[in-house]
């Protein structure tokens, strides 16, 4: 018996672990492990848990239709996984385990422990690359080291992809008669462990839904992506991040679909489609960095010297940022959107992260944790990479004095205030000319229903730069 262990790769198509397990005539079973306590320790958002489990339900039904049973195990923490897996393998007569490699530090430790436990009962473990187009360690500098800066990584990644190419593998064929599948909602122990399982209707699950979104984006928006991607009021992005984070679609499928749509694989900014491809390469870069620098999984900065930064701590200020009560409309709209939907536009992620770290001088780790506790697409590599980029502590060649002005960012990327008025209801009736600096207009109207700016950006910017300069002394 072969066993496929599904994790953040909840798909049938282009799944290396599933493909290799289904080679040959041996019986195949599948596994998904529910770890409620570990998920809470990792700040996994409830909306992300529901999204993931809804996809597990779909996956279980689809596997059952192929004659592959999906076993569910519940262990509270990763430390319990090796023994639970060993018991299951013994009960089911498993001789080989297949899984796609995890890149996060805790997950890698778990997998090493699983390998050791299963080796004692002669079960061989096969770990494959299912999370990246090119696996960590494949894209190297001329001296054979992993990259620490994005632009040369991007060039080397494109060159390596041209040299190697890649293949998209179809879902496996049926392996026998279809099997029954009991929905998760009917399993008392699952419901008891996780509470309400009803997924958010704004985020339908399924590989077909992920491919539908991808195809719509490629047909309608990819050619204009470079011009529209920064405007949150415009449907200019793919909104595929939740599906990539859960592995409902693979990055290889995205690259292949882009290439098919264009008839070529773009190589530079001068070519249509490259800007979106470059975003996929950023995703790869952050995942490779997580392998290069395991301490990124431990709340450590990429630049060690920045661990000495004198961050401030003001619980009231942090609460105001979390709840969208900063007095800066674009920041407040972004945070309220996150809290309501579990998702935030990438430009807004940069704006609010800069505001927390450079205007409020609050540690990026708190923002990183808050995002993980709310995001449906919470992914350690991308989330950590983005927060450290904004905070000036990460793998970024730009100088530390990049500080976003929240007012001018709003004026530039939401010029008519459409996004702001959608989420900051106090400003729903304000004229566009005042929406980014509404306080004088509100005073004239005798209104006090929207907070004053909690900080003076010009003063806060100077303080942020002084924080970093103090490291040089």
Protein backbone atom coordinates (compact mmCIF):
# COMPACT_ATOMS: atom_id res chain seq x y z
CA UNK A 1 0.00 0.00 0.00
CA UNK A 2 1.18 3.50 -0.87
CA UNK A 3 0.02 6.49 1.19
CA UNK A 4 -0.15 10.10 -0.10
CA UNK A 5 -0.01 12.71 2.65
CA UNK A 6 -1.78 15.91 1.55
CA UNK A 7 -0.80 19.20 3.23
CA UNK A 8 -0.82 22.58 1.45
CA UNK A 9 -1.26 20.81 -1.90
CA UNK A 10 -4.98 20.05 -1.93
CA UNK A 11 -5.36 19.18 -5.60
CA UNK A 12 -5.42 16.22 -7.96
CA UNK A 13 -3.76 17.88 -10.97
CA UNK A 14 -0.04 18.66 -11.06
CA UNK A 15 0.55 17.03 -7.70
CA UNK A 16 3.96 15.29 -7.73
CA UNK A 17 3.33 13.25 -4.58
CA UNK A 18 0.01 11.92 -5.88
CA UNK A 19 1.41 11.31 -9.36
CA UNK A 20 4.37 9.27 -8.10
CA UNK A 21 2.22 7.30 -5.68
CA UNK A 22 -0.19 6.37 -8.46
CA UNK A 23 2.57 5.03 -10.69
CA UNK A 24 2.22 1.26 -10.82
CA UNK A 25 -0.57 -1.06 -9.72
CA UNK A 26 -0.19 -1.02 -5.94
CA UNK A 27 -3.19 0.20 -3.93
CA UNK A 28 -3.09 3.89 -2.99
CA UNK A 29 -4.66 5.66 -0.03
CA UNK A 30 -4.48 9.31 1.01
CA UNK A 31 -4.20 11.19 4.29
CA UNK A 32 -4.91 14.65 5.68
CA UNK A 33 -3.96 15.56 9.25
CA UNK A 34 -6.00 18.07 11.23
CA UNK A 35 -3.94 19.82 13.94
CA UNK A 36 -6.16 22.41 15.67
CA UNK A 37 -3.78 23.38 18.48
CA UNK A 38 -0.81 23.67 16.11
CA UNK A 39 -2.86 25.77 13.70
CA UNK A 40 -3.76 28.15 16.51
CA UNK A 41 -0.12 28.36 17.58
CA UNK A 42 0.75 29.29 14.01
CA UNK A 43 -1.96 32.00 14.08
CA UNK A 44 -3.88 30.35 11.24
CA UNK A 45 -6.95 32.45 10.50
CA UNK A 46 -10.33 30.77 11.10
CA UNK A 47 -11.40 31.76 7.59
CA UNK A 48 -8.33 30.00 6.21
CA UNK A 49 -9.08 26.87 8.25
CA UNK A 50 -12.64 26.76 6.93
CA UNK A 51 -11.43 27.33 3.36
CA UNK A 52 -8.85 24.57 3.66
CA UNK A 53 -11.26 22.08 5.22
CA UNK A 54 -13.90 22.83 2.60
CA UNK A 55 -11.29 21.93 -0.01
CA UNK A 56 -10.38 18.76 1.92
CA UNK A 57 -14.06 17.81 1.69
CA UNK A 58 -14.00 18.30 -2.09
CA UNK A 59 -10.70 16.47 -2.38
CA UNK A 60 -11.97 13.52 -0.32
CA UNK A 61 -15.02 13.17 -2.53
CA UNK A 62 -12.95 13.37 -5.73
CA UNK A 63 -10.39 10.86 -4.48
CA UNK A 64 -13.18 8.50 -3.44
CA UNK A 65 -14.59 8.71 -6.97
CA UNK A 66 -11.17 7.50 -8.20
CA UNK A 67 -11.15 4.60 -5.75
CA UNK A 68 -8.64 6.27 -3.39
CA UNK A 69 -9.78 6.55 0.25
CA UNK A 70 -8.80 9.71 2.14
CA UNK A 71 -8.06 9.07 5.82
CA UNK A 72 -8.40 11.90 8.31
CA UNK A 73 -6.27 11.99 11.45
CA UNK A 74 -6.57 14.48 14.26
CA UNK A 75 -3.46 15.31 16.26
CA UNK A 76 -3.27 18.45 18.34
CA UNK A 77 0.34 19.33 17.51
CA UNK A 78 3.01 18.33 15.02
CA UNK A 79 4.83 16.45 17.79
CA UNK A 80 2.04 13.86 17.79
CA UNK A 81 2.15 13.28 14.02
CA UNK A 82 4.98 10.70 13.80
CA UNK A 83 3.32 8.23 16.18
CA UNK A 84 -0.11 8.72 14.62
CA UNK A 85 1.28 8.19 11.13
CA UNK A 86 3.21 5.12 12.23
CA UNK A 87 0.03 3.62 13.68
CA UNK A 88 -1.93 4.31 10.50
CA UNK A 89 0.78 2.83 8.30
CA UNK A 90 0.86 -0.29 10.47
CA UNK A 91 -2.93 -0.67 10.38
CA UNK A 92 -3.18 -0.14 6.61
CA UNK A 93 -0.09 -2.10 5.59
CA UNK A 94 1.61 0.98 4.13
CA UNK A 95 5.09 0.41 2.73
CA UNK A 96 5.70 3.81 1.08
CA UNK A 97 4.75 7.37 2.04
CA UNK A 98 4.61 10.16 -0.54
CA UNK A 99 4.34 13.84 0.29
CA UNK A 100 5.25 17.21 -1.20
CA UNK A 101 8.04 18.93 0.66
CA UNK A 102 7.30 21.48 3.37
CA UNK A 103 9.61 24.49 3.58
CA UNK A 104 8.68 25.94 6.98
CA UNK A 105 10.94 25.11 9.92
CA UNK A 106 8.36 23.47 12.22
CA UNK A 107 6.96 21.46 9.33
CA UNK A 108 10.42 20.29 8.28
CA UNK A 109 11.17 19.14 11.82
CA UNK A 110 7.87 17.24 11.84
CA UNK A 111 8.71 15.58 8.52
CA UNK A 112 12.17 14.54 9.68
CA UNK A 113 10.58 12.98 12.77
CA UNK A 114 8.03 11.18 10.59
CA UNK A 115 10.80 9.79 8.37
CA UNK A 116 12.64 8.48 11.43
CA UNK A 117 9.52 6.92 12.95
CA UNK A 118 8.48 5.21 9.72
CA UNK A 119 11.99 3.96 9.00
CA UNK A 120 11.69 1.81 12.13
CA UNK A 121 8.89 -0.16 10.46
CA UNK A 122 10.50 -0.22 7.01
CA UNK A 123 8.21 2.41 5.44
CA UNK A 124 10.14 4.47 2.88
CA UNK A 125 9.37 8.19 2.61
CA UNK A 126 9.45 10.13 -0.65
CA UNK A 127 9.51 13.95 -0.43
CA UNK A 128 8.84 15.82 -3.67
CA UNK A 129 8.67 19.43 -4.85
CA UNK A 130 5.07 20.54 -5.08
CA UNK A 131 5.28 24.09 -3.72
CA UNK A 132 7.55 25.82 -6.24
CA UNK A 133 8.11 25.84 -9.98
CA UNK A 134 11.82 25.37 -9.27
CA UNK A 135 12.67 23.77 -5.92
CA UNK A 136 14.74 25.60 -3.30
CA UNK A 137 18.40 24.96 -3.99
CA UNK A 138 17.96 24.82 -7.78
CA UNK A 139 18.45 28.57 -8.44
CA UNK A 140 22.01 29.42 -7.39
CA UNK A 141 24.60 32.15 -7.82
CA UNK A 142 27.78 31.61 -9.83
CA UNK A 143 29.49 30.56 -6.61
CA UNK A 144 26.86 27.93 -5.91
CA UNK A 145 24.98 29.80 -3.16
CA UNK A 146 21.30 30.65 -2.85
CA UNK A 147 20.33 34.21 -3.72
CA UNK A 148 19.62 36.87 -1.09
CA UNK A 149 18.53 39.64 -3.50
CA UNK A 150 15.50 39.41 -5.74
CA UNK A 151 16.55 40.91 -9.08
CA UNK A 152 19.48 38.54 -9.76
CA UNK A 153 17.33 35.68 -8.43
CA UNK A 154 14.63 36.56 -10.96
CA UNK A 155 17.11 36.54 -13.86
CA UNK A 156 18.63 33.24 -12.74
CA UNK A 157 15.16 31.72 -12.18
CA UNK A 158 14.08 32.58 -15.72
CA UNK A 159 17.32 31.15 -17.13
CA UNK A 160 16.96 27.94 -15.11
CA UNK A 161 13.35 27.54 -16.23
CA UNK A 162 14.38 27.93 -19.87
CA UNK A 163 17.04 25.27 -19.41
CA UNK A 164 14.86 22.77 -17.55
CA UNK A 165 11.31 23.47 -18.65
CA UNK A 166 8.50 21.77 -16.78
CA UNK A 167 5.54 19.47 -17.32
CA UNK A 168 2.01 19.80 -15.96
CA UNK A 169 0.72 16.39 -14.92
CA UNK A 170 -2.92 15.50 -15.17
CA UNK A 171 -4.99 14.15 -12.32
CA UNK A 172 -4.61 10.38 -11.88
CA UNK A 173 -6.94 7.96 -13.60
CA UNK A 174 -9.46 5.89 -11.69
CA UNK A 175 -7.91 3.10 -9.66
CA UNK A 176 -10.99 1.02 -9.06
CA UNK A 177 -14.59 1.28 -7.99
CA UNK A 178 -15.70 4.54 -6.43
CA UNK A 179 -15.85 4.65 -2.65
CA UNK A 180 -18.24 6.36 -0.22
CA UNK A 181 -17.23 9.70 1.31
CA UNK A 182 -18.60 11.04 4.58
CA UNK A 183 -18.63 14.87 4.53
CA UNK A 184 -16.61 16.58 7.24
CA UNK A 185 -19.68 18.34 8.61
CA UNK A 186 -21.10 14.91 9.52
CA UNK A 187 -18.03 13.93 11.54
CA UNK A 188 -18.58 14.98 15.12
CA UNK A 189 -14.91 14.97 16.13
CA UNK A 190 -13.97 17.29 13.27
CA UNK A 191 -16.75 19.73 14.08
CA UNK A 192 -15.91 19.60 17.77
CA UNK A 193 -12.25 20.35 17.08
CA UNK A 194 -12.80 23.29 14.75
CA UNK A 195 -16.25 24.68 15.40
CA UNK A 196 -18.28 26.05 12.50
CA UNK A 197 -17.10 24.52 9.21
CA UNK A 198 -19.24 26.56 6.81
CA UNK A 199 -16.89 28.23 4.30
CA UNK A 200 -17.19 31.87 3.27
CA UNK A 201 -19.34 32.03 0.08
CA UNK A 202 -17.01 34.73 -1.26
CA UNK A 203 -14.32 32.07 -1.59
CA UNK A 204 -15.67 28.98 -3.40
CA UNK A 205 -13.33 25.99 -3.27
CA UNK A 206 -12.36 23.47 -5.92
CA UNK A 207 -9.74 23.15 -8.62
CA UNK A 208 -12.31 24.14 -11.24
CA UNK A 209 -12.92 27.43 -9.43
CA UNK A 210 -9.20 28.17 -9.21
CA UNK A 211 -8.76 27.48 -12.93
CA UNK A 212 -11.83 29.57 -13.74
CA UNK A 213 -10.36 32.56 -11.89
CA UNK A 214 -7.00 32.05 -13.56
CA UNK A 215 -8.52 31.90 -17.03
CA UNK A 216 -10.70 34.97 -16.48
CA UNK A 217 -7.67 36.93 -15.28
CA UNK A 218 -5.55 35.83 -18.24
CA UNK A 219 -8.30 36.68 -20.72
CA UNK A 220 -9.36 40.00 -19.23
CA UNK A 221 -6.63 41.53 -17.10
CA UNK A 222 -3.13 40.12 -17.49
CA UNK A 223 -2.11 42.38 -20.38
CA UNK A 224 -3.03 45.48 -18.35
CA UNK A 225 -1.78 44.09 -15.06
CA UNK A 226 1.25 46.38 -14.90
CA UNK A 227 -1.02 49.44 -15.10
CA UNK A 228 -3.95 48.26 -12.97
CA UNK A 229 -2.50 46.02 -10.26
CA UNK A 230 -1.95 48.84 -7.74
CA UNK A 231 -5.52 50.18 -7.76
CA UNK A 232 -7.70 48.37 -5.18
CA UNK A 233 -10.96 49.70 -6.62
CA UNK A 234 -10.17 47.98 -9.95
CA UNK A 235 -10.46 44.23 -10.50
CA UNK A 236 -6.92 44.15 -11.85
CA UNK A 237 -5.39 41.22 -9.96
CA UNK A 238 -5.89 37.47 -10.23
CA UNK A 239 -7.13 37.00 -6.61
CA UNK A 240 -5.56 33.55 -6.76
CA UNK A 241 -3.49 33.83 -3.59
CA UNK A 242 -5.90 31.78 -1.38
CA UNK A 243 -5.86 28.98 -3.96
CA UNK A 244 -2.07 29.03 -4.23
CA UNK A 245 -1.66 29.10 -0.45
CA UNK A 246 -3.87 26.02 -0.03
CA UNK A 247 -2.35 24.32 -3.06
CA UNK A 248 -5.67 24.13 -4.91
CA UNK A 249 -3.71 25.34 -7.94
CA UNK A 250 0.04 25.05 -8.46
CA UNK A 251 2.45 27.81 -9.50
CA UNK A 252 3.46 25.62 -12.44
CA UNK A 253 -0.14 25.63 -13.66
CA UNK A 254 -0.13 29.43 -13.48
CA UNK A 255 3.09 29.75 -15.47
CA UNK A 256 1.90 27.21 -18.06
CA UNK A 257 -1.45 28.97 -18.48
CA UNK A 258 0.26 32.34 -18.91
CA UNK A 259 2.59 30.89 -21.52
CA UNK A 260 -0.33 29.30 -23.36
CA UNK A 261 -2.30 32.55 -23.30
CA UNK A 262 0.58 34.64 -24.67
CA UNK A 263 2.20 32.07 -26.93
CA UNK A 264 5.54 32.66 -25.24
CA UNK A 265 7.09 33.00 -21.79
CA UNK A 266 7.85 36.68 -21.12
CA UNK A 267 11.45 37.44 -20.18
CA UNK A 268 11.50 41.18 -19.43
CA UNK A 269 9.32 44.11 -18.40
CA UNK A 270 9.06 45.11 -22.03
CA UNK A 271 6.94 42.04 -22.76
CA UNK A 272 3.24 41.84 -21.86
CA UNK A 273 2.53 39.45 -19.01
CA UNK A 274 5.97 39.75 -17.43
CA UNK A 275 4.80 41.86 -14.48
CA UNK A 276 2.45 39.11 -13.32
CA UNK A 277 5.05 36.41 -13.94
CA UNK A 278 7.43 38.47 -11.82
CA UNK A 279 4.94 38.33 -8.95
CA UNK A 280 5.03 34.53 -9.17
CA UNK A 281 8.83 34.74 -9.09
CA UNK A 282 8.60 36.90 -5.94
CA UNK A 283 6.53 34.12 -4.41
CA UNK A 284 9.25 31.62 -5.33
CA UNK A 285 11.97 33.92 -3.96
CA UNK A 286 10.36 34.19 -0.54
CA UNK A 287 9.94 30.43 -0.37
CA UNK A 288 13.57 29.85 -1.29
CA UNK A 289 14.60 32.39 1.37
CA UNK A 290 12.70 30.45 4.01
CA UNK A 291 14.85 27.42 3.22
CA UNK A 292 18.06 29.48 3.04
CA UNK A 293 17.35 31.21 6.35
CA UNK A 294 15.35 28.94 8.71
CA UNK A 295 15.37 31.66 11.39
CA UNK A 296 12.77 33.51 9.29
CA UNK A 297 10.34 30.89 10.61
CA UNK A 298 11.34 31.89 14.15
CA UNK A 299 10.37 35.57 14.14
CA UNK A 300 13.93 36.68 13.38
CA UNK A 301 14.83 39.45 10.92
CA UNK A 302 16.63 38.60 7.70
CA UNK A 303 19.13 41.37 8.46
CA UNK A 304 20.45 40.35 11.90
CA UNK A 305 21.56 43.86 12.84
CA UNK A 306 17.97 45.10 12.73
CA UNK A 307 17.10 42.92 15.73
CA UNK A 308 18.41 45.86 17.79
CA UNK A 309 15.87 48.36 16.43
CA UNK A 310 14.10 50.20 19.27
CA UNK A 311 10.52 49.41 18.33
CA UNK A 312 7.76 51.09 20.33
CA UNK A 313 4.81 49.39 21.97
CA UNK A 314 1.47 51.14 22.36
CA UNK A 315 -1.44 48.71 22.71
CA UNK A 316 -4.02 51.42 22.00
CA UNK A 317 -2.22 52.45 18.81
CA UNK A 318 -1.93 48.82 17.71
CA UNK A 319 -5.65 48.26 18.35
CA UNK A 320 -6.51 51.36 16.32
CA UNK A 321 -4.43 50.03 13.42
CA UNK A 322 -6.02 46.57 13.65
CA UNK A 323 -9.54 47.98 13.70
CA UNK A 324 -9.06 50.67 11.03
CA UNK A 325 -9.26 53.72 13.31
CA UNK A 326 -6.00 55.50 12.45
CA UNK A 327 -7.50 58.61 10.87
CA UNK A 328 -5.76 57.83 7.58
CA UNK A 329 -8.55 56.75 5.19
CA UNK A 330 -6.61 54.39 2.93
CA UNK A 331 -5.12 52.58 5.94
CA UNK A 332 -8.48 52.30 7.67
CA UNK A 333 -10.25 51.09 4.53
CA UNK A 334 -7.61 48.42 3.97
CA UNK A 335 -7.78 47.09 7.53
CA UNK A 336 -11.57 47.04 7.59
CA UNK A 337 -11.57 45.16 4.28
CA UNK A 338 -9.15 42.60 5.74
CA UNK A 339 -11.24 42.12 8.86
CA UNK A 340 -14.44 41.69 6.86
CA UNK A 341 -13.24 39.52 3.97
CA UNK A 342 -9.99 37.83 5.00
CA UNK A 343 -8.16 39.33 2.04
CA UNK A 344 -6.25 42.51 1.22
CA UNK A 345 -4.97 43.93 -2.05
CA UNK A 346 -1.17 43.76 -2.28
CA UNK A 347 -0.63 47.52 -2.62
CA UNK A 348 -2.69 48.00 0.53
CA UNK A 349 -0.62 45.38 2.36
CA UNK A 350 2.45 47.49 1.68
CA UNK A 351 0.72 50.71 2.79
CA UNK A 352 -0.60 49.37 6.09
CA UNK A 353 2.64 47.53 6.87
CA UNK A 354 4.63 50.69 6.30
CA UNK A 355 2.20 52.62 8.49
CA UNK A 356 2.51 50.19 11.40
CA UNK A 357 6.29 49.99 11.29
CA UNK A 358 7.34 53.42 10.02
CA UNK A 359 4.55 55.66 11.36
CA UNK A 360 3.65 53.90 14.59
CA UNK A 361 7.11 52.29 15.02
CA UNK A 362 5.49 49.04 16.17
CA UNK A 363 7.35 45.79 15.56
CA UNK A 364 6.67 44.09 12.24
CA UNK A 365 6.22 40.75 14.02
CA UNK A 366 2.94 41.99 15.53
CA UNK A 367 1.66 42.99 12.12
CA UNK A 368 2.80 39.71 10.61
CA UNK A 369 0.94 37.76 13.30
CA UNK A 370 -2.20 39.86 12.90
CA UNK A 371 -2.24 39.30 9.16
CA UNK A 372 -1.84 35.54 9.65
CA UNK A 373 -4.74 35.56 12.12
CA UNK A 374 -7.02 37.18 9.52
CA UNK A 375 -5.84 36.25 6.02
CA UNK A 376 -7.47 33.52 3.99
CA UNK A 377 -4.23 33.35 1.99
CA UNK A 378 -1.95 33.35 5.02
CA UNK A 379 1.37 31.89 3.89
CA UNK A 380 4.43 32.16 6.11
CA UNK A 381 6.97 32.77 3.34
CA UNK A 382 5.00 35.46 1.50
CA UNK A 383 3.65 37.11 4.64
CA UNK A 384 7.01 37.24 6.38
CA UNK A 385 8.74 38.40 3.21
CA UNK A 386 6.25 41.20 2.68
CA UNK A 387 6.36 42.42 6.27
CA UNK A 388 10.13 42.42 6.45
CA UNK A 389 10.31 44.22 3.09
CA UNK A 390 8.03 46.96 4.42
CA UNK A 391 9.82 47.16 7.77
CA UNK A 392 13.27 47.45 6.23
CA UNK A 393 14.57 44.31 7.93
CA UNK A 394 14.29 41.88 5.02
CA UNK A 395 16.00 40.76 1.83
CA UNK A 396 15.78 44.05 0.00
CA UNK A 397 18.51 46.04 -1.69
CA UNK A 398 16.60 49.32 -1.28
CA UNK A 399 17.69 51.66 1.53
CA UNK A 400 15.87 51.65 4.83
CA UNK A 401 14.42 55.12 4.37
CA UNK A 402 11.59 53.88 2.17
CA UNK A 403 8.57 55.19 4.10
CA UNK A 404 5.18 55.26 2.42
CA UNK A 405 3.16 58.42 2.88
CA UNK A 406 -0.35 57.06 3.51
CA UNK A 407 -2.06 60.19 2.20
CA UNK A 408 -0.21 60.38 -1.09
CA UNK A 409 -0.48 56.61 -1.53
CA UNK A 410 -4.23 56.93 -1.22
CA UNK A 411 -4.33 59.87 -3.64
CA UNK A 412 -2.26 57.98 -6.18
CA UNK A 413 -3.89 54.56 -6.02
CA UNK A 414 -7.48 55.38 -5.04
CA UNK A 415 -7.76 58.84 -6.61
CA UNK A 416 -11.56 59.11 -6.48
CA UNK A 417 -11.79 57.40 -3.10
CA UNK A 418 -13.98 54.56 -4.40
CA UNK A 419 -12.25 51.94 -2.29
CA UNK A 420 -12.15 54.18 0.76
CA UNK A 421 -15.85 55.03 0.61
CA UNK A 422 -16.71 51.32 0.25
CA UNK A 423 -15.07 50.39 3.54
CA UNK A 424 -14.99 53.58 5.63
CA UNK A 425 -18.72 54.16 5.82
CA UNK A 426 -18.27 57.41 7.77
CA UNK A 427 -16.81 58.87 4.56
CA UNK A 428 -19.37 57.40 2.15
CA UNK A 429 -20.81 60.82 1.32
CA UNK A 430 -17.62 62.87 1.26
CA UNK A 431 -16.61 64.56 -2.02
CA UNK A 432 -13.63 63.03 -3.81
CA UNK A 433 -11.63 66.23 -3.35
CA UNK A 434 -11.61 65.71 0.43
CA UNK A 435 -11.67 61.93 0.80
CA UNK A 436 -7.94 61.51 1.49
CA UNK A 437 -7.78 64.39 3.98
CA UNK A 438 -11.36 64.53 5.25
CA UNK A 439 -10.96 66.22 8.60
CA UNK A 440 -11.45 69.88 7.56
CA UNK A 441 -14.56 68.95 5.58
CA UNK A 442 -15.94 66.96 8.50
CA UNK A 443 -15.34 69.85 10.88
CA UNK A 444 -17.20 72.22 8.56
CA UNK A 445 -20.12 69.79 8.64
CA UNK A 446 -19.95 69.61 12.43
CA UNK A 447 -19.18 65.90 12.33
CA UNK A 448 -16.94 63.92 14.65
CA UNK A 449 -17.66 60.40 13.48
CA UNK A 450 -14.23 59.75 11.98
CA UNK A 451 -11.03 59.87 14.06
CA UNK A 452 -8.33 62.49 13.65
CA UNK A 453 -4.94 61.27 12.34
CA UNK A 454 -3.28 59.42 15.20
CA UNK A 455 0.21 60.56 14.18
CA UNK A 456 1.82 63.30 12.13
CA UNK A 457 3.32 61.40 9.22
CA UNK A 458 6.16 63.88 8.62
CA UNK A 459 7.30 63.63 12.24
CA UNK A 460 6.88 59.86 12.34
CA UNK A 461 8.92 59.46 9.15
CA UNK A 462 11.88 61.31 10.65
CA UNK A 463 11.69 59.13 13.76
CA UNK A 464 11.65 55.96 11.64
CA UNK A 465 14.76 57.01 9.76
CA UNK A 466 16.50 57.89 13.03
CA UNK A 467 15.72 54.39 14.35
CA UNK A 468 17.64 52.82 11.49
CA UNK A 469 20.47 55.33 11.53
CA UNK A 470 21.02 54.57 15.19
CA UNK A 471 22.13 51.08 14.13
CA UNK A 472 25.07 52.57 12.25
CA UNK A 473 26.55 54.24 15.31
